[in-house]
């Protein structure tokens, strides 16, 4: 049986595997945010600033995904 690699902080925060529509744009946005969150998580020196930065990236992903997946107004 293949051992499953643990997910990173970024993957956990943006729910990297959650993309019911399979939209490649969602995957791309989430992947970039994962990189940013993981970098801040690794290099961050101040716990509060690190947490705020990661939360801001997480919120940015939410709004970006909503922006690209929201249906047109009819």
Protein backbone atom coordinates (compact mmCIF):
# COMPACT_ATOMS: atom_id res chain seq x y z
CA UNK A 1 0.00 0.00 0.00
CA UNK A 2 1.30 3.45 -0.95
CA UNK A 3 1.92 5.76 1.99
CA UNK A 4 0.05 9.08 1.78
CA UNK A 5 2.21 12.17 2.20
CA UNK A 6 0.99 14.58 4.90
CA UNK A 7 -0.50 17.80 3.57
CA UNK A 8 1.22 21.14 4.08
CA UNK A 9 -0.20 24.07 6.04
CA UNK A 10 -1.06 25.80 2.78
CA UNK A 11 -2.79 22.73 1.34
CA UNK A 12 -4.82 22.42 4.52
CA UNK A 13 -5.81 26.09 4.67
CA UNK A 14 -6.98 26.39 1.05
CA UNK A 15 -8.46 22.88 0.93
CA UNK A 16 -6.38 22.09 -2.12
CA UNK A 17 -8.32 18.91 -2.96
CA UNK A 18 -11.73 20.62 -2.83
CA UNK A 19 -12.71 21.64 -6.36
CA UNK A 20 -16.03 19.98 -7.20
CA UNK A 21 -16.22 21.69 -10.60
CA UNK A 22 -12.74 20.51 -11.60
CA UNK A 23 -12.06 24.06 -12.84
CA UNK A 24 -8.37 24.41 -13.71
CA UNK A 25 -8.45 28.11 -12.82
CA UNK A 26 -9.46 27.21 -9.25
CA UNK A 27 -6.62 24.70 -9.08
CA UNK A 28 -4.14 27.31 -10.34
CA UNK A 29 -5.24 29.96 -7.83
CA UNK A 30 -5.22 27.52 -4.94
CA UNK A 31 -1.79 26.15 -5.92
CA UNK A 32 -0.24 29.62 -5.96
CA UNK A 33 -1.77 30.43 -2.56
CA UNK A 34 -0.40 27.15 -1.16
CA UNK A 35 3.10 28.24 -2.17
CA UNK A 36 2.68 31.64 -0.51
CA UNK A 37 1.21 30.23 2.70
CA UNK A 38 3.89 27.55 2.94
CA UNK A 39 6.66 30.12 2.41
CA UNK A 40 5.30 32.40 5.14
CA UNK A 41 4.76 29.41 7.42
CA UNK A 42 8.40 28.35 6.92
CA UNK A 43 10.10 31.77 7.07
CA UNK A 44 7.76 33.70 9.36
CA UNK A 45 9.43 34.98 12.54
CA UNK A 46 6.54 36.73 14.23
CA UNK A 47 3.63 34.42 15.06
CA UNK A 48 0.96 37.10 14.85
CA UNK A 49 2.17 38.51 11.53
CA UNK A 50 2.58 35.01 10.14
CA UNK A 51 -0.97 34.06 11.12
CA UNK A 52 -2.41 37.28 9.70
CA UNK A 53 -0.57 36.84 6.40
CA UNK A 54 -1.71 33.24 6.03
CA UNK A 55 -5.30 34.22 6.83
CA UNK A 56 -5.18 37.03 4.26
CA UNK A 57 -3.97 34.61 1.56
CA UNK A 58 -6.68 32.15 2.57
CA UNK A 59 -9.34 34.87 2.30
CA UNK A 60 -7.90 36.01 -1.02
CA UNK A 61 -8.31 32.51 -2.43
CA UNK A 62 -11.92 32.41 -1.29
CA UNK A 63 -12.73 35.72 -3.01
CA UNK A 64 -10.74 34.87 -6.14
CA UNK A 65 -12.50 31.52 -6.54
CA UNK A 66 -15.87 33.19 -6.01
CA UNK A 67 -14.96 35.82 -8.59
CA UNK A 68 -14.09 33.34 -11.34
CA UNK A 69 -16.87 30.85 -10.64
CA UNK A 70 -19.78 33.19 -9.97
CA UNK A 71 -22.42 32.88 -12.71
CA UNK A 72 -23.17 35.86 -14.90
CA UNK A 73 -26.12 38.00 -13.90
CA UNK A 74 -29.12 37.35 -16.14
